[in-house]
C-alpha cells in the first residue's frame, strides 16, 4: 500500500535526471559554441596577419622590381628593356606556379587549414 508514496519519489528522480541531462546538453552546446568562436577568432587573426604580410611583401617586391628594371636599363643603355625583362621573369614564375599549383599551393594551404582547425 506504499507504492503511491514511491511514485512521487521515482517521479522526482526522473525529473532530476531529465533536468541534469538538459543542463549537460546546454553546457556541452555552450562549450562547443565558445570553442568555435575561439577557433574562428584565432583563424581571423591569422588571416589578417597574413594579408598584412602579403601587402608588405608586395610593396617590397614592387620597389625591388622597379630598382632591378632601372638597373638593367642602365646596363643595357635602354629606357624600357629592363622593365620587359623583369616582366618576363614574372611571367615565367607565374607559368611555373600555375603548372605546379596543386603541389606548391593547394596541398600545403589545405594542410595548414586542417591543422589549424583540428588543433585545440
C-alpha atoms as a PDB file:
ATOM      1  CA  UNK A   1       0.000   0.000   0.000  1.00  0.00           C
ATOM      2  CA  UNK A   2       3.053   2.211  -0.070  1.00  0.00           C
ATOM      3  CA  UNK A   3       3.592   2.234  -3.843  1.00  0.00           C
ATOM      4  CA  UNK A   4       1.728   5.539  -4.031  1.00  0.00           C
ATOM      5  CA  UNK A   5       4.431   7.145  -1.904  1.00  0.00           C
ATOM      6  CA  UNK A   6       7.255   5.700  -4.027  1.00  0.00           C
ATOM      7  CA  UNK A   7       5.802   7.010  -7.292  1.00  0.00           C
ATOM      8  CA  UNK A   8       6.338  10.696  -6.426  1.00  0.00           C
ATOM      9  CA  UNK A   9       9.850   9.827  -5.265  1.00  0.00           C
ATOM     10  CA  UNK A  10      10.588   7.985  -8.515  1.00  0.00           C
ATOM     11  CA  UNK A  11       8.951  10.773 -10.469  1.00  0.00           C
ATOM     12  CA  UNK A  12      11.179  13.362  -8.793  1.00  0.00           C
ATOM     13  CA  UNK A  13      14.268  11.228  -9.591  1.00  0.00           C
ATOM     14  CA  UNK A  14      13.183  11.110 -13.215  1.00  0.00           C
ATOM     15  CA  UNK A  15      12.669  14.873 -13.250  1.00  0.00           C
ATOM     16  CA  UNK A  16      16.066  15.347 -11.645  1.00  0.00           C
ATOM     17  CA  UNK A  17      17.678  13.099 -14.242  1.00  0.00           C
ATOM     18  CA  UNK A  18      15.910  14.967 -17.041  1.00  0.00           C
ATOM     19  CA  UNK A  19      16.982  18.326 -15.613  1.00  0.00           C
ATOM     20  CA  UNK A  20      20.584  17.116 -15.303  1.00  0.00           C
ATOM     21  CA  UNK A  21      20.522  15.845 -18.893  1.00  0.00           C
ATOM     22  CA  UNK A  22      19.132  19.168 -20.148  1.00  0.00           C
ATOM     23  CA  UNK A  23      21.777  21.046 -18.166  1.00  0.00           C
ATOM     24  CA  UNK A  24      24.511  18.786 -19.563  1.00  0.00           C
ATOM     25  CA  UNK A  25      23.329  19.289 -23.153  1.00  0.00           C
ATOM     26  CA  UNK A  26      23.140  23.066 -22.671  1.00  0.00           C
ATOM     27  CA  UNK A  27      26.616  23.152 -21.134  1.00  0.00           C
ATOM     28  CA  UNK A  28      28.014  20.995 -23.935  1.00  0.00           C
ATOM     29  CA  UNK A  29      26.382  23.250 -26.527  1.00  0.00           C
ATOM     30  CA  UNK A  30      27.796  26.377 -24.876  1.00  0.00           C
ATOM     31  CA  UNK A  31      31.274  24.827 -24.626  1.00  0.00           C
ATOM     32  CA  UNK A  32      31.286  23.899 -28.319  1.00  0.00           C
ATOM     33  CA  UNK A  33      29.958  27.331 -29.266  1.00  0.00           C
ATOM     34  CA  UNK A  34      32.756  29.016 -27.290  1.00  0.00           C
ATOM     35  CA  UNK A  35      35.366  26.704 -28.822  1.00  0.00           C
ATOM     36  CA  UNK A  36      34.077  27.573 -32.308  1.00  0.00           C
ATOM     37  CA  UNK A  37      34.197  31.302 -31.520  1.00  0.00           C
ATOM     38  CA  UNK A  38      37.746  30.930 -30.183  1.00  0.00           C
ATOM     39  CA  UNK A  39      38.864  28.996 -33.278  1.00  0.00           C
ATOM     40  CA  UNK A  40      37.177  31.470 -35.623  1.00  0.00           C
ATOM     41  CA  UNK A  41      38.751  34.483 -33.909  1.00  0.00           C
ATOM     42  CA  UNK A  42      42.156  32.812 -33.983  1.00  0.00           C
ATOM     43  CA  UNK A  43      41.843  31.992 -37.680  1.00  0.00           C
ATOM     44  CA  UNK A  44      40.619  35.527 -38.447  1.00  0.00           C
ATOM     45  CA  UNK A  45      43.619  36.996 -36.647  1.00  0.00           C
ATOM     46  CA  UNK A  46      45.953  34.682 -38.565  1.00  0.00           C
ATOM     47  CA  UNK A  47      44.389  35.633 -41.903  1.00  0.00           C
ATOM     48  CA  UNK A  48      44.671  39.332 -41.030  1.00  0.00           C
ATOM     49  CA  UNK A  49      48.372  38.954 -40.204  1.00  0.00           C
ATOM     50  CA  UNK A  50      48.987  37.027 -43.448  1.00  0.00           C
ATOM     51  CA  UNK A  51      47.183  39.686 -45.502  1.00  0.00           C
ATOM     52  CA  UNK A  52      49.267  42.458 -43.921  1.00  0.00           C
ATOM     53  CA  UNK A  53      52.473  40.485 -44.513  1.00  0.00           C
ATOM     54  CA  UNK A  54      51.427  39.820 -48.112  1.00  0.00           C
ATOM     55  CA  UNK A  55      50.789  43.519 -48.719  1.00  0.00           C
ATOM     56  CA  UNK A  56      54.167  44.443 -47.236  1.00  0.00           C
ATOM     57  CA  UNK A  57      55.892  41.757 -49.302  1.00  0.00           C
ATOM     58  CA  UNK A  58      54.174  43.018 -52.466  1.00  0.00           C
ATOM     59  CA  UNK A  59      55.272  46.579 -51.702  1.00  0.00           C
ATOM     60  CA  UNK A  60      58.874  45.499 -51.122  1.00  0.00           C
ATOM     61  CA  UNK A  61      58.828  43.317 -54.237  1.00  0.00           C
ATOM     62  CA  UNK A  62      57.489  46.206 -56.306  1.00  0.00           C
ATOM     63  CA  UNK A  63      60.326  48.510 -55.261  1.00  0.00           C
ATOM     64  CA  UNK A  64      62.924  45.786 -55.807  1.00  0.00           C
ATOM     65  CA  UNK A  65      61.442  45.071 -59.257  1.00  0.00           C
ATOM     66  CA  UNK A  66      61.472  48.736 -60.252  1.00  0.00           C
ATOM     67  CA  UNK A  67      65.035  49.109 -58.994  1.00  0.00           C
ATOM     68  CA  UNK A  68      66.151  45.981 -60.857  1.00  0.00           C
ATOM     69  CA  UNK A  69      64.448  47.127 -64.054  1.00  0.00           C
ATOM     70  CA  UNK A  70      66.106  50.556 -63.837  1.00  0.00           C
ATOM     71  CA  UNK A  71      69.495  48.913 -63.165  1.00  0.00           C
ATOM     72  CA  UNK A  72      69.044  46.637 -66.214  1.00  0.00           C
ATOM     73  CA  UNK A  73      68.042  49.681 -68.261  1.00  0.00           C
ATOM     74  CA  UNK A  74      71.275  51.451 -67.246  1.00  0.00           C
ATOM     75  CA  UNK A  75      73.381  48.359 -68.008  1.00  0.00           C
ATOM     76  CA  UNK A  76      71.757  47.889 -71.433  1.00  0.00           C
ATOM     77  CA  UNK A  77      71.599  51.581 -72.258  1.00  0.00           C
ATOM     78  CA  UNK A  78      67.867  51.342 -72.889  1.00  0.00           C
ATOM     79  CA  UNK A  79      64.973  53.147 -71.307  1.00  0.00           C
ATOM     80  CA  UNK A  80      62.487  50.253 -71.272  1.00  0.00           C
ATOM     81  CA  UNK A  81      64.206  46.873 -71.856  1.00  0.00           C
ATOM     82  CA  UNK A  82      64.773  46.257 -68.147  1.00  0.00           C
ATOM     83  CA  UNK A  83      61.065  46.514 -67.413  1.00  0.00           C
ATOM     84  CA  UNK A  84      60.261  43.941 -70.119  1.00  0.00           C
ATOM     85  CA  UNK A  85      62.967  41.588 -68.826  1.00  0.00           C
ATOM     86  CA  UNK A  86      61.648  41.835 -65.246  1.00  0.00           C
ATOM     87  CA  UNK A  87      58.085  41.317 -66.515  1.00  0.00           C
ATOM     88  CA  UNK A  88      59.257  38.261 -68.469  1.00  0.00           C
ATOM     89  CA  UNK A  89      60.778  36.781 -65.319  1.00  0.00           C
ATOM     90  CA  UNK A  90      57.446  37.261 -63.527  1.00  0.00           C
ATOM     91  CA  UNK A  91      55.561  35.638 -66.439  1.00  0.00           C
ATOM     92  CA  UNK A  92      57.870  32.595 -66.241  1.00  0.00           C
ATOM     93  CA  UNK A  93      57.344  32.400 -62.482  1.00  0.00           C
ATOM     94  CA  UNK A  94      53.552  32.613 -62.966  1.00  0.00           C
ATOM     95  CA  UNK A  95      53.642  29.788 -65.529  1.00  0.00           C
ATOM     96  CA  UNK A  96      55.624  27.601 -63.104  1.00  0.00           C
ATOM     97  CA  UNK A  97      53.226  28.360 -60.242  1.00  0.00           C
ATOM     98  CA  UNK A  98      50.155  27.602 -62.379  1.00  0.00           C
ATOM     99  CA  UNK A  99      51.714  24.364 -63.631  1.00  0.00           C
ATOM    100  CA  UNK A 100      52.541  23.223 -60.084  1.00  0.00           C
ATOM    101  CA  UNK A 101      49.667  24.852 -58.201  1.00  0.00           C
ATOM    102  CA  UNK A 102      48.486  21.610 -56.628  1.00  0.00           C
ATOM    103  CA  UNK A 103      51.897  20.742 -55.195  1.00  0.00           C
ATOM    104  CA  UNK A 104      53.111  24.138 -54.074  1.00  0.00           C
ATOM    105  CA  UNK A 105      49.873  25.902 -53.138  1.00  0.00           C
ATOM    106  CA  UNK A 106      46.783  23.703 -52.788  1.00  0.00           C
ATOM    107  CA  UNK A 107      48.175  20.861 -50.670  1.00  0.00           C
ATOM    108  CA  UNK A 108      50.222  22.996 -48.224  1.00  0.00           C
ATOM    109  CA  UNK A 109      47.393  25.505 -47.745  1.00  0.00           C
ATOM    110  CA  UNK A 110      44.834  22.717 -47.227  1.00  0.00           C
ATOM    111  CA  UNK A 111      47.107  21.006 -44.714  1.00  0.00           C
ATOM    112  CA  UNK A 112      47.683  24.270 -42.831  1.00  0.00           C
ATOM    113  CA  UNK A 113      43.934  24.953 -42.620  1.00  0.00           C
ATOM    114  CA  UNK A 114      43.164  21.406 -41.450  1.00  0.00           C
ATOM    115  CA  UNK A 115      45.963  21.571 -38.870  1.00  0.00           C
ATOM    116  CA  UNK A 116      44.685  24.924 -37.587  1.00  0.00           C
ATOM    117  CA  UNK A 117      41.082  23.698 -37.324  1.00  0.00           C
ATOM    118  CA  UNK A 118      41.964  20.419 -35.599  1.00  0.00           C
ATOM    119  CA  UNK A 119      44.448  21.937 -33.144  1.00  0.00           C
ATOM    120  CA  UNK A 120      42.921  22.700 -29.737  1.00  0.00           C
END
